[in-house]
């Protein structure tokens, strides 16, 4: 039995389901435009919606990973990110980043620290980047509010013709001081703009 093959299948197929336990709430189509599809769902016990955005681009998973590994470039393509920086690498597969998240008036900007773990599938060539927000590691300024809870992933899956399917899924708890109904009205904008920006980075070879 090819145990390596079975392990690879577990990483790229079963693992996202482990990160995000199955919920009775189904995904609902929220936006479909310019080759980008965004789904939303409300998880039980949470007031903020989780999103999943999907698109296909003409490049390889490794080239996309090069973009994701450069936090200083995030403000150029990632929605609502004012500034970002690399905090540290842990080995060659885990890295920590800090970023400032822009919020509309009259709300204060947020900041967040994320831990990203890269898992590569040597058989399929796919890449999974698991992301978890941390409450500490980097001190935050008093003018910003720390986002302490969030979990998600990037899945980069090779497709025929040298293309890659990108799946970006994330849930963020923005805190008790923000009304869930208001944030949920505009939450679809974030993943759509993020994938739009990422596609532009790829098309212009800005990495």
N, C-alpha and C. Protein backbone atom coordinates (compact mmCIF):
# COMPACT_ATOMS: atom_id res chain seq x y z
N UNK A 1 0.85 -1.20 0.00
CA UNK A 1 0.00 0.00 0.00
C UNK A 1 0.89 1.25 0.00
N UNK A 2 0.53 2.22 -0.81
CA UNK A 2 1.31 3.45 -0.92
C UNK A 2 0.87 4.42 0.18
N UNK A 3 1.53 4.35 1.33
CA UNK A 3 1.15 5.18 2.47
C UNK A 3 1.43 6.66 2.21
N UNK A 4 2.45 6.94 1.40
CA UNK A 4 2.77 8.33 1.08
C UNK A 4 1.64 8.96 0.28
N UNK A 5 1.10 8.16 -0.64
CA UNK A 5 -0.01 8.66 -1.45
C UNK A 5 -1.24 8.94 -0.58
N UNK A 6 -1.54 8.02 0.34
CA UNK A 6 -2.69 8.19 1.22
C UNK A 6 -2.52 9.42 2.11
N UNK A 7 -1.29 9.63 2.58
CA UNK A 7 -1.03 10.79 3.43
C UNK A 7 -1.24 12.08 2.65
N UNK A 8 -0.81 12.10 1.40
CA UNK A 8 -0.99 13.28 0.56
C UNK A 8 -2.46 13.58 0.34
N UNK A 9 -3.24 12.55 0.11
CA UNK A 9 -4.68 12.75 -0.05
C UNK A 9 -5.29 13.32 1.21
N UNK A 10 -4.82 12.86 2.36
CA UNK A 10 -5.34 13.36 3.64
C UNK A 10 -5.05 14.85 3.79
N UNK A 11 -3.85 15.25 3.41
CA UNK A 11 -3.44 16.64 3.58
C UNK A 11 -4.28 17.58 2.74
N UNK A 12 -4.49 17.24 1.47
CA UNK A 12 -5.13 18.17 0.54
C UNK A 12 -6.63 17.98 0.39
N UNK A 13 -7.17 16.89 0.94
CA UNK A 13 -8.61 16.67 0.82
C UNK A 13 -9.29 16.68 2.18
N UNK A 14 -8.78 15.91 3.10
CA UNK A 14 -9.44 15.80 4.40
C UNK A 14 -9.09 16.91 5.35
N UNK A 15 -7.88 17.43 5.27
CA UNK A 15 -7.42 18.41 6.26
C UNK A 15 -8.25 19.67 6.31
N UNK A 16 -8.65 20.28 5.19
CA UNK A 16 -9.51 21.47 5.29
C UNK A 16 -10.78 21.20 6.07
N UNK A 17 -11.31 19.98 5.98
CA UNK A 17 -12.50 19.64 6.74
C UNK A 17 -12.22 19.51 8.22
N UNK A 18 -10.96 19.17 8.55
CA UNK A 18 -10.57 19.08 9.96
C UNK A 18 -10.40 20.47 10.55
N UNK A 19 -9.81 21.38 9.74
CA UNK A 19 -9.63 22.75 10.19
C UNK A 19 -10.97 23.41 10.43
N UNK A 20 -11.90 23.14 9.54
CA UNK A 20 -13.23 23.73 9.63
C UNK A 20 -14.25 22.60 9.81
N UNK A 21 -14.61 22.23 11.05
CA UNK A 21 -15.57 21.16 11.28
C UNK A 21 -16.85 21.38 10.49
N UNK A 22 -17.40 20.29 9.98
CA UNK A 22 -18.60 20.38 9.17
C UNK A 22 -19.74 21.06 9.93
N UNK A 23 -20.40 21.97 9.25
CA UNK A 23 -21.48 22.73 9.86
C UNK A 23 -22.78 22.43 9.13
N UNK A 24 -23.89 22.58 9.83
CA UNK A 24 -25.20 22.38 9.21
C UNK A 24 -25.55 23.56 8.30
N UNK A 25 -24.80 24.64 8.43
CA UNK A 25 -25.05 25.82 7.60
C UNK A 25 -24.38 25.64 6.24
N UNK A 26 -25.16 25.68 5.18
CA UNK A 26 -24.62 25.49 3.84
C UNK A 26 -24.00 26.78 3.32
N UNK A 27 -23.04 26.61 2.41
CA UNK A 27 -22.47 27.76 1.72
C UNK A 27 -23.51 28.34 0.78
N UNK A 28 -23.55 29.67 0.70
CA UNK A 28 -24.47 30.35 -0.20
C UNK A 28 -23.67 31.24 -1.15
N UNK A 29 -24.00 31.15 -2.43
CA UNK A 29 -23.32 31.97 -3.42
C UNK A 29 -23.60 33.45 -3.16
N UNK A 30 -22.53 34.24 -3.04
CA UNK A 30 -22.67 35.66 -2.74
C UNK A 30 -22.25 36.55 -3.89
N UNK A 31 -21.28 36.08 -4.70
CA UNK A 31 -20.81 36.91 -5.81
C UNK A 31 -20.10 36.01 -6.83
N UNK A 32 -20.32 36.32 -8.09
CA UNK A 32 -19.65 35.60 -9.17
C UNK A 32 -19.37 36.59 -10.30
N UNK A 33 -18.09 36.94 -10.44
CA UNK A 33 -17.73 37.98 -11.40
C UNK A 33 -16.26 37.85 -11.75
N UNK A 34 -15.94 38.09 -13.03
CA UNK A 34 -14.56 38.10 -13.51
C UNK A 34 -13.78 36.84 -13.13
N UNK A 35 -14.45 35.71 -13.18
CA UNK A 35 -13.79 34.45 -12.89
C UNK A 35 -13.58 34.17 -11.42
N UNK A 36 -14.19 34.96 -10.55
CA UNK A 36 -14.06 34.78 -9.11
C UNK A 36 -15.43 34.46 -8.52
N UNK A 37 -15.50 33.42 -7.73
CA UNK A 37 -16.74 33.04 -7.07
C UNK A 37 -16.56 33.11 -5.56
N UNK A 38 -17.49 33.77 -4.88
CA UNK A 38 -17.41 33.93 -3.44
C UNK A 38 -18.66 33.33 -2.79
N UNK A 39 -18.42 32.51 -1.77
CA UNK A 39 -19.50 31.92 -0.99
C UNK A 39 -19.41 32.42 0.44
N UNK A 40 -20.55 32.51 1.11
CA UNK A 40 -20.61 32.90 2.51
C UNK A 40 -21.44 31.89 3.29
N UNK A 41 -21.15 31.79 4.58
CA UNK A 41 -22.00 31.01 5.47
C UNK A 41 -21.84 31.54 6.89
N UNK A 42 -22.89 31.33 7.68
CA UNK A 42 -22.87 31.76 9.08
C UNK A 42 -22.73 30.53 9.95
N UNK A 43 -21.63 30.47 10.68
CA UNK A 43 -21.38 29.32 11.54
C UNK A 43 -22.19 29.44 12.83
N UNK A 44 -22.69 28.33 13.33
CA UNK A 44 -23.46 28.36 14.58
C UNK A 44 -22.67 28.99 15.73
N UNK A 45 -23.30 29.89 16.45
CA UNK A 45 -22.67 30.52 17.60
C UNK A 45 -21.81 31.71 17.26
N UNK A 46 -21.78 32.16 16.00
CA UNK A 46 -20.97 33.30 15.59
C UNK A 46 -21.84 34.33 14.88
N UNK A 47 -21.49 35.60 15.04
CA UNK A 47 -22.27 36.66 14.38
C UNK A 47 -21.64 37.12 13.08
N UNK A 48 -20.37 36.76 12.86
CA UNK A 48 -19.70 37.12 11.62
C UNK A 48 -19.68 35.93 10.67
N UNK A 49 -19.83 36.21 9.38
CA UNK A 49 -19.86 35.14 8.39
C UNK A 49 -18.45 34.71 7.96
N UNK A 50 -18.36 33.49 7.58
CA UNK A 50 -17.13 32.93 7.02
C UNK A 50 -17.24 33.01 5.50
N UNK A 51 -16.11 33.23 4.82
CA UNK A 51 -16.16 33.29 3.37
C UNK A 51 -15.23 32.25 2.73
N UNK A 52 -15.56 31.91 1.50
CA UNK A 52 -14.73 31.04 0.67
C UNK A 52 -14.74 31.59 -0.74
N UNK A 53 -13.57 31.92 -1.26
CA UNK A 53 -13.45 32.49 -2.60
C UNK A 53 -12.63 31.56 -3.47
N UNK A 54 -13.05 31.40 -4.73
CA UNK A 54 -12.41 30.46 -5.64
C UNK A 54 -12.16 31.12 -6.99
N UNK A 55 -10.99 30.85 -7.57
CA UNK A 55 -10.69 31.31 -8.92
C UNK A 55 -9.64 30.39 -9.52
N UNK A 56 -9.40 30.53 -10.81
CA UNK A 56 -8.37 29.77 -11.51
C UNK A 56 -7.47 30.74 -12.25
N UNK A 57 -6.16 30.54 -12.11
CA UNK A 57 -5.18 31.43 -12.71
C UNK A 57 -4.19 30.64 -13.55
N UNK A 58 -3.54 31.32 -14.49
CA UNK A 58 -2.57 30.68 -15.38
C UNK A 58 -1.17 30.81 -14.81
N UNK A 59 -0.89 30.03 -13.80
CA UNK A 59 0.45 29.98 -13.22
C UNK A 59 0.53 28.74 -12.34
N UNK A 60 1.66 28.53 -11.70
CA UNK A 60 1.86 27.34 -10.88
C UNK A 60 1.64 27.66 -9.39
N UNK A 61 1.35 26.63 -8.57
CA UNK A 61 1.21 26.85 -7.14
C UNK A 61 2.46 27.45 -6.50
N UNK A 62 3.64 27.04 -6.95
CA UNK A 62 4.88 27.56 -6.37
C UNK A 62 5.03 29.06 -6.60
N UNK A 63 4.61 29.55 -7.76
CA UNK A 63 4.72 30.99 -8.02
C UNK A 63 3.73 31.78 -7.16
N UNK A 64 2.56 31.22 -6.93
CA UNK A 64 1.59 31.88 -6.05
C UNK A 64 2.12 31.90 -4.62
N UNK A 65 2.75 30.81 -4.21
CA UNK A 65 3.31 30.73 -2.87
C UNK A 65 4.36 31.82 -2.66
N UNK A 66 5.12 32.14 -3.68
CA UNK A 66 6.13 33.20 -3.58
C UNK A 66 5.49 34.53 -3.23
N UNK A 67 4.28 34.77 -3.72
CA UNK A 67 3.56 36.01 -3.40
C UNK A 67 3.07 35.97 -1.95
N UNK A 68 2.50 34.85 -1.55
CA UNK A 68 1.95 34.72 -0.20
C UNK A 68 3.02 34.81 0.88
N UNK A 69 4.26 34.47 0.52
CA UNK A 69 5.35 34.48 1.49
C UNK A 69 5.97 35.87 1.67
N UNK A 70 5.44 36.87 0.99
CA UNK A 70 6.01 38.22 1.07
C UNK A 70 5.00 39.20 1.69
N UNK A 71 4.91 39.23 3.03
CA UNK A 71 3.93 40.11 3.70
C UNK A 71 4.09 41.59 3.36
N UNK A 72 5.31 42.03 3.10
CA UNK A 72 5.50 43.46 2.79
C UNK A 72 4.77 43.87 1.51
N UNK A 73 4.38 42.89 0.67
CA UNK A 73 3.66 43.16 -0.56
C UNK A 73 2.14 43.10 -0.38
N UNK A 74 1.68 42.63 0.79
CA UNK A 74 0.24 42.45 1.00
C UNK A 74 -0.59 43.71 0.71
N UNK A 75 -0.14 44.90 1.15
CA UNK A 75 -0.96 46.10 0.89
C UNK A 75 -1.19 46.36 -0.59
N UNK A 76 -0.37 45.79 -1.47
CA UNK A 76 -0.51 46.03 -2.91
C UNK A 76 -1.65 45.22 -3.52
N UNK A 77 -2.07 44.13 -2.84
CA UNK A 77 -3.09 43.29 -3.46
C UNK A 77 -4.14 42.75 -2.49
N UNK A 78 -3.87 42.76 -1.22
CA UNK A 78 -4.80 42.18 -0.24
C UNK A 78 -5.75 43.25 0.30
N UNK A 79 -7.02 42.97 0.28
CA UNK A 79 -8.04 43.95 0.67
C UNK A 79 -7.89 44.41 2.11
N UNK A 80 -7.99 45.73 2.31
CA UNK A 80 -8.04 46.36 3.64
C UNK A 80 -6.74 46.27 4.44
N UNK A 81 -5.65 45.85 3.83
CA UNK A 81 -4.39 45.77 4.54
C UNK A 81 -3.59 47.05 4.30
N UNK A 82 -3.40 47.83 5.36
CA UNK A 82 -2.66 49.09 5.25
C UNK A 82 -1.16 48.85 5.19
N UNK A 83 -0.68 47.99 6.08
CA UNK A 83 0.74 47.68 6.14
C UNK A 83 0.91 46.28 6.72
N UNK A 84 2.00 45.64 6.36
CA UNK A 84 2.25 44.28 6.85
C UNK A 84 3.75 44.02 6.83
N UNK A 85 4.16 43.10 7.66
CA UNK A 85 5.58 42.74 7.70
C UNK A 85 5.75 41.31 8.19
N UNK A 86 6.87 40.74 7.81
CA UNK A 86 7.23 39.41 8.28
C UNK A 86 7.79 39.52 9.70
N UNK A 87 7.27 38.71 10.61
CA UNK A 87 7.77 38.70 11.98
C UNK A 87 8.94 37.74 12.11
N UNK A 88 8.74 36.50 11.64
CA UNK A 88 9.83 35.53 11.68
C UNK A 88 9.44 34.27 10.92
N UNK A 89 10.46 33.52 10.55
CA UNK A 89 10.28 32.18 10.00
C UNK A 89 10.59 31.17 11.09
N UNK A 90 9.86 30.07 11.09
CA UNK A 90 10.12 28.96 12.00
C UNK A 90 10.41 27.74 11.12
N UNK A 91 11.67 27.40 10.97
CA UNK A 91 12.03 26.38 10.02
C UNK A 91 11.83 26.90 8.61
N UNK A 92 11.45 26.01 7.69
CA UNK A 92 11.24 26.45 6.31
C UNK A 92 9.79 26.31 5.87
N UNK A 93 8.89 26.03 6.83
CA UNK A 93 7.49 25.84 6.43
C UNK A 93 6.49 26.64 7.26
N UNK A 94 6.95 27.36 8.27
CA UNK A 94 6.05 28.14 9.12
C UNK A 94 6.57 29.58 9.21
N UNK A 95 5.69 30.54 8.95
CA UNK A 95 6.09 31.92 9.09
C UNK A 95 4.99 32.73 9.78
N UNK A 96 5.42 33.79 10.47
CA UNK A 96 4.51 34.64 11.24
C UNK A 96 4.51 36.04 10.63
N UNK A 97 3.34 36.62 10.52
CA UNK A 97 3.25 37.96 9.96
C UNK A 97 2.41 38.87 10.87
N UNK A 98 2.66 40.15 10.77
CA UNK A 98 1.84 41.17 11.45
C UNK A 98 1.28 42.08 10.37
N UNK A 99 0.03 42.49 10.53
CA UNK A 99 -0.58 43.40 9.56
C UNK A 99 -1.59 44.32 10.22
N UNK A 100 -1.77 45.49 9.62
CA UNK A 100 -2.76 46.46 10.07
C UNK A 100 -3.95 46.41 9.13
N UNK A 101 -5.14 46.23 9.69
CA UNK A 101 -6.36 46.11 8.91
C UNK A 101 -7.14 47.41 8.98
N UNK A 102 -7.40 48.01 7.82
CA UNK A 102 -8.13 49.28 7.77
C UNK A 102 -9.62 49.04 8.03
N UNK A 103 -10.21 49.89 8.86
CA UNK A 103 -11.63 49.83 9.16
C UNK A 103 -12.28 51.16 8.83
N UNK A 104 -13.52 51.16 8.37
CA UNK A 104 -14.20 52.42 8.03
C UNK A 104 -14.54 53.22 9.29
N UNK A 105 -14.58 54.54 9.12
CA UNK A 105 -14.98 55.42 10.23
C UNK A 105 -16.40 55.06 10.63
N UNK A 106 -16.74 55.03 11.92
CA UNK A 106 -15.98 55.54 13.07
C UNK A 106 -15.23 54.45 13.84
N UNK A 107 -14.99 53.29 13.22
CA UNK A 107 -14.35 52.19 13.91
C UNK A 107 -12.83 52.33 13.87
N UNK A 108 -12.17 51.81 14.91
CA UNK A 108 -10.71 51.83 14.98
C UNK A 108 -10.13 50.75 14.08
N UNK A 109 -8.95 51.03 13.51
CA UNK A 109 -8.25 50.01 12.74
C UNK A 109 -7.91 48.83 13.64
N UNK A 110 -7.80 47.68 13.04
CA UNK A 110 -7.41 46.47 13.75
C UNK A 110 -5.98 46.09 13.37
N UNK A 111 -5.34 45.29 14.20
CA UNK A 111 -4.09 44.66 13.80
C UNK A 111 -4.18 43.18 14.14
N UNK A 112 -3.37 42.39 13.44
CA UNK A 112 -3.44 40.95 13.63
C UNK A 112 -2.09 40.30 13.41
N UNK A 113 -1.89 39.21 14.11
CA UNK A 113 -0.68 38.40 13.97
C UNK A 113 -1.12 37.02 13.50
N UNK A 114 -0.54 36.55 12.43
CA UNK A 114 -0.95 35.25 11.89
C UNK A 114 0.21 34.28 11.82
N UNK A 115 -0.14 33.01 12.01
CA UNK A 115 0.81 31.91 11.85
C UNK A 115 0.39 31.14 10.61
N UNK A 116 1.29 31.02 9.65
CA UNK A 116 0.99 30.32 8.40
C UNK A 116 1.89 29.10 8.28
N UNK A 117 1.28 27.95 8.04
CA UNK A 117 2.03 26.71 7.88
C UNK A 117 1.85 26.17 6.47
N UNK A 118 2.95 25.93 5.79
CA UNK A 118 2.93 25.46 4.41
C UNK A 118 3.02 23.95 4.37
N UNK A 119 2.07 23.32 3.70
CA UNK A 119 2.07 21.86 3.54
C UNK A 119 2.05 21.56 2.04
N UNK A 120 3.11 20.93 1.54
CA UNK A 120 3.22 20.64 0.11
C UNK A 120 2.91 19.17 -0.16
N UNK A 121 2.21 18.94 -1.26
CA UNK A 121 1.93 17.59 -1.72
C UNK A 121 2.89 17.26 -2.85
N UNK A 122 3.86 16.40 -2.57
CA UNK A 122 4.89 16.11 -3.55
C UNK A 122 4.37 15.31 -4.74
N UNK A 123 3.21 14.69 -4.60
CA UNK A 123 2.65 13.88 -5.69
C UNK A 123 1.84 14.75 -6.66
N UNK A 124 0.89 15.51 -6.12
CA UNK A 124 0.02 16.33 -6.98
C UNK A 124 0.62 17.69 -7.30
N UNK A 125 1.55 18.17 -6.46
CA UNK A 125 2.11 19.50 -6.64
C UNK A 125 1.27 20.58 -5.97
N UNK A 126 0.21 20.15 -5.29
CA UNK A 126 -0.65 21.10 -4.59
C UNK A 126 -0.02 21.63 -3.32
N UNK A 127 -0.48 22.79 -2.88
CA UNK A 127 0.05 23.43 -1.67
C UNK A 127 -1.11 23.91 -0.80
N UNK A 128 -1.04 23.61 0.48
CA UNK A 128 -2.01 24.07 1.46
C UNK A 128 -1.30 24.97 2.45
N UNK A 129 -1.81 26.18 2.65
CA UNK A 129 -1.25 27.10 3.65
C UNK A 129 -2.30 27.31 4.73
N UNK A 130 -2.08 26.72 5.87
CA UNK A 130 -3.02 26.84 6.99
C UNK A 130 -2.70 28.10 7.77
N UNK A 131 -3.72 28.89 8.08
CA UNK A 131 -3.52 30.17 8.75
C UNK A 131 -4.31 30.22 10.05
N UNK A 132 -3.66 30.71 11.10
CA UNK A 132 -4.33 30.88 12.38
C UNK A 132 -3.88 32.20 13.00
N UNK A 133 -4.83 33.01 13.45
CA UNK A 133 -4.48 34.27 14.11
C UNK A 133 -4.10 34.01 15.56
N UNK A 134 -3.12 34.78 16.04
CA UNK A 134 -2.63 34.65 17.41
C UNK A 134 -2.93 35.92 18.19
N UNK A 135 -3.24 35.79 19.48
CA UNK A 135 -3.54 36.98 20.28
C UNK A 135 -2.30 37.78 20.66
N UNK A 136 -1.14 37.14 20.67
CA UNK A 136 0.06 37.81 21.13
C UNK A 136 1.18 37.80 20.10
N UNK A 137 2.40 37.58 20.58
CA UNK A 137 3.65 37.52 19.83
C UNK A 137 4.19 38.89 19.46
N UNK A 138 3.32 39.80 19.03
CA UNK A 138 3.72 41.16 18.69
C UNK A 138 2.85 42.14 19.47
N UNK A 139 3.47 43.10 20.14
CA UNK A 139 2.70 44.10 20.88
C UNK A 139 1.98 45.01 19.90
N UNK A 140 0.77 45.45 20.28
CA UNK A 140 0.00 46.29 19.38
C UNK A 140 -0.11 47.71 19.94
N UNK A 141 -0.37 48.65 19.03
CA UNK A 141 -0.50 50.05 19.42
C UNK A 141 -1.88 50.30 20.03
N UNK A 142 -1.93 51.28 20.92
CA UNK A 142 -3.20 51.59 21.57
C UNK A 142 -4.25 52.12 20.60
N UNK A 143 -3.82 52.63 19.46
CA UNK A 143 -4.76 53.17 18.49
C UNK A 143 -5.48 52.09 17.69
N UNK A 144 -5.02 50.83 17.85
CA UNK A 144 -5.62 49.72 17.13
C UNK A 144 -6.14 48.66 18.09
N UNK A 145 -7.06 47.85 17.60
CA UNK A 145 -7.63 46.75 18.39
C UNK A 145 -7.13 45.44 17.81
N UNK A 146 -6.61 44.58 18.65
CA UNK A 146 -6.06 43.31 18.20
C UNK A 146 -7.17 42.31 17.84
N UNK A 147 -7.09 41.76 16.64
CA UNK A 147 -7.97 40.66 16.25
C UNK A 147 -7.34 39.38 16.80
N UNK A 148 -8.02 38.73 17.71
CA UNK A 148 -7.43 37.59 18.42
C UNK A 148 -7.83 36.23 17.86
N UNK A 149 -8.95 36.20 17.14
CA UNK A 149 -9.44 34.89 16.68
C UNK A 149 -9.67 34.90 15.17
N UNK A 150 -9.12 33.94 14.50
CA UNK A 150 -9.32 33.79 13.07
C UNK A 150 -8.64 32.53 12.58
N UNK A 151 -9.24 31.87 11.62
CA UNK A 151 -8.65 30.65 11.08
C UNK A 151 -9.05 30.51 9.62
N UNK A 152 -8.14 30.00 8.81
CA UNK A 152 -8.44 29.85 7.39
C UNK A 152 -7.33 29.13 6.66
N UNK A 153 -7.39 29.17 5.34
CA UNK A 153 -6.35 28.54 4.55
C UNK A 153 -6.37 29.02 3.10
N UNK A 154 -5.23 28.85 2.45
CA UNK A 154 -5.10 28.97 1.00
C UNK A 154 -4.85 27.57 0.47
N UNK A 155 -5.60 27.16 -0.54
CA UNK A 155 -5.37 25.88 -1.19
C UNK A 155 -5.04 26.16 -2.65
N UNK A 156 -3.86 25.73 -3.08
CA UNK A 156 -3.38 25.95 -4.44
C UNK A 156 -3.29 24.59 -5.13
N UNK A 157 -4.25 24.32 -5.99
CA UNK A 157 -4.38 23.01 -6.59
C UNK A 157 -4.10 23.06 -8.09
N UNK A 158 -3.08 22.31 -8.57
CA UNK A 158 -2.76 22.32 -10.01
C UNK A 158 -3.94 21.86 -10.86
N UNK A 159 -4.11 22.53 -12.01
CA UNK A 159 -5.14 22.19 -12.97
C UNK A 159 -4.48 21.96 -14.33
N UNK A 160 -5.17 21.26 -15.24
CA UNK A 160 -4.59 21.03 -16.57
C UNK A 160 -4.25 22.33 -17.29
N UNK A 161 -3.25 22.27 -18.15
CA UNK A 161 -2.87 23.43 -18.95
C UNK A 161 -2.01 24.43 -18.20
N UNK A 162 -1.34 23.99 -17.15
CA UNK A 162 -0.47 24.90 -16.40
C UNK A 162 -1.20 25.91 -15.55
N UNK A 163 -2.44 25.61 -15.20
CA UNK A 163 -3.23 26.52 -14.38
C UNK A 163 -3.31 26.03 -12.93
N UNK A 164 -3.78 26.91 -12.07
CA UNK A 164 -3.92 26.59 -10.65
C UNK A 164 -5.27 27.07 -10.13
N UNK A 165 -5.95 26.20 -9.45
CA UNK A 165 -7.19 26.57 -8.77
C UNK A 165 -6.85 27.09 -7.39
N UNK A 166 -7.32 28.29 -7.07
CA UNK A 166 -7.07 28.91 -5.77
C UNK A 166 -8.35 28.89 -4.95
N UNK A 167 -8.25 28.38 -3.75
CA UNK A 167 -9.36 28.42 -2.79
C UNK A 167 -8.87 29.19 -1.57
N UNK A 168 -9.55 30.27 -1.25
CA UNK A 168 -9.19 31.10 -0.10
C UNK A 168 -10.38 31.12 0.85
N UNK A 169 -10.21 30.48 1.99
CA UNK A 169 -11.31 30.39 2.96
C UNK A 169 -10.86 30.97 4.31
N UNK A 170 -11.74 31.78 4.92
CA UNK A 170 -11.34 32.40 6.18
C UNK A 170 -12.55 32.80 7.02
N UNK A 171 -12.35 32.68 8.33
CA UNK A 171 -13.32 33.19 9.30
C UNK A 171 -12.56 34.06 10.30
N UNK A 172 -13.06 35.26 10.54
CA UNK A 172 -12.44 36.18 11.49
C UNK A 172 -13.47 36.68 12.48
N UNK A 173 -13.11 36.64 13.76
CA UNK A 173 -13.94 37.23 14.80
C UNK A 173 -13.40 38.63 15.08
N UNK A 174 -14.12 39.65 14.63
CA UNK A 174 -13.64 41.03 14.73
C UNK A 174 -13.90 41.66 16.09
N UNK A 175 -14.54 40.93 17.01
CA UNK A 175 -14.74 41.45 18.36
C UNK A 175 -16.17 41.88 18.64
N UNK A 176 -16.44 42.12 19.90
CA UNK A 176 -17.80 42.42 20.35
C UNK A 176 -18.27 43.83 20.04
N UNK A 177 -17.34 44.73 19.70
CA UNK A 177 -17.71 46.13 19.50
C UNK A 177 -18.21 46.43 18.09
N UNK A 178 -18.25 45.42 17.23
CA UNK A 178 -18.72 45.62 15.86
C UNK A 178 -20.02 44.84 15.64
N UNK A 179 -21.02 45.49 15.05
CA UNK A 179 -22.29 44.79 14.79
C UNK A 179 -22.13 43.78 13.66
N UNK A 180 -22.52 42.53 13.93
CA UNK A 180 -22.37 41.49 12.94
C UNK A 180 -23.15 41.75 11.67
N UNK A 181 -24.36 42.28 11.80
CA UNK A 181 -25.21 42.49 10.62
C UNK A 181 -24.58 43.50 9.66
N UNK A 182 -23.87 44.50 10.22
CA UNK A 182 -23.24 45.52 9.38
C UNK A 182 -22.03 44.96 8.66
N UNK A 183 -21.18 44.25 9.37
CA UNK A 183 -19.98 43.68 8.76
C UNK A 183 -20.35 42.65 7.70
N UNK A 184 -21.37 41.85 7.98
CA UNK A 184 -21.78 40.80 7.04
C UNK A 184 -22.32 41.37 5.73
N UNK A 185 -22.82 42.61 5.77
CA UNK A 185 -23.33 43.23 4.56
C UNK A 185 -22.22 43.49 3.54
N UNK A 186 -21.01 43.69 4.03
CA UNK A 186 -19.90 44.07 3.14
C UNK A 186 -18.79 43.03 3.09
N UNK A 187 -18.95 41.91 3.80
CA UNK A 187 -17.85 40.96 3.94
C UNK A 187 -17.45 40.31 2.62
N UNK A 188 -18.39 40.22 1.67
CA UNK A 188 -18.07 39.60 0.38
C UNK A 188 -17.04 40.42 -0.40
N UNK A 189 -16.95 41.69 -0.10
CA UNK A 189 -16.03 42.58 -0.81
C UNK A 189 -14.57 42.20 -0.55
N UNK A 190 -14.25 41.78 0.65
CA UNK A 190 -12.87 41.50 1.02
C UNK A 190 -12.24 40.36 0.21
N UNK A 191 -12.83 39.16 0.21
CA UNK A 191 -12.20 38.09 -0.57
C UNK A 191 -12.22 38.35 -2.07
N UNK A 192 -13.25 39.02 -2.57
CA UNK A 192 -13.31 39.31 -4.00
C UNK A 192 -12.17 40.26 -4.40
N UNK A 193 -11.97 41.32 -3.64
CA UNK A 193 -10.90 42.26 -3.96
C UNK A 193 -9.53 41.62 -3.76
N UNK A 194 -9.42 40.74 -2.77
CA UNK A 194 -8.14 40.06 -2.53
C UNK A 194 -7.75 39.17 -3.71
N UNK A 195 -8.68 38.37 -4.20
CA UNK A 195 -8.36 37.51 -5.34
C UNK A 195 -8.18 38.32 -6.62
N UNK A 196 -8.92 39.43 -6.75
CA UNK A 196 -8.71 40.32 -7.90
C UNK A 196 -7.30 40.89 -7.88
N UNK A 197 -6.85 41.33 -6.72
CA UNK A 197 -5.50 41.86 -6.58
C UNK A 197 -4.44 40.81 -6.80
N UNK A 198 -4.69 39.60 -6.30
CA UNK A 198 -3.73 38.51 -6.48
C UNK A 198 -3.60 38.13 -7.95
N UNK A 199 -4.72 38.09 -8.66
CA UNK A 199 -4.68 37.78 -10.09
C UNK A 199 -3.90 38.83 -10.86
N UNK A 200 -4.03 40.09 -10.46
CA UNK A 200 -3.29 41.16 -11.13
C UNK A 200 -1.80 41.03 -10.88
N UNK A 201 -1.42 40.64 -9.65
CA UNK A 201 -0.01 40.43 -9.32
C UNK A 201 0.57 39.33 -10.20
N UNK A 202 -0.22 38.27 -10.39
CA UNK A 202 0.24 37.14 -11.21
C UNK A 202 0.36 37.55 -12.66
N UNK A 203 -0.62 38.27 -13.19
CA UNK A 203 -0.63 38.66 -14.59
C UNK A 203 0.50 39.62 -14.93
N UNK A 204 0.89 40.45 -13.97
CA UNK A 204 1.95 41.44 -14.21
C UNK A 204 3.32 40.96 -13.73
N UNK A 205 3.35 39.72 -13.23
CA UNK A 205 4.61 39.15 -12.70
C UNK A 205 5.23 40.01 -11.62
N UNK A 206 4.37 40.57 -10.75
CA UNK A 206 4.84 41.47 -9.69
C UNK A 206 5.20 40.67 -8.43
N UNK A 207 6.11 39.70 -8.58
CA UNK A 207 6.55 38.90 -7.43
C UNK A 207 7.95 38.36 -7.67
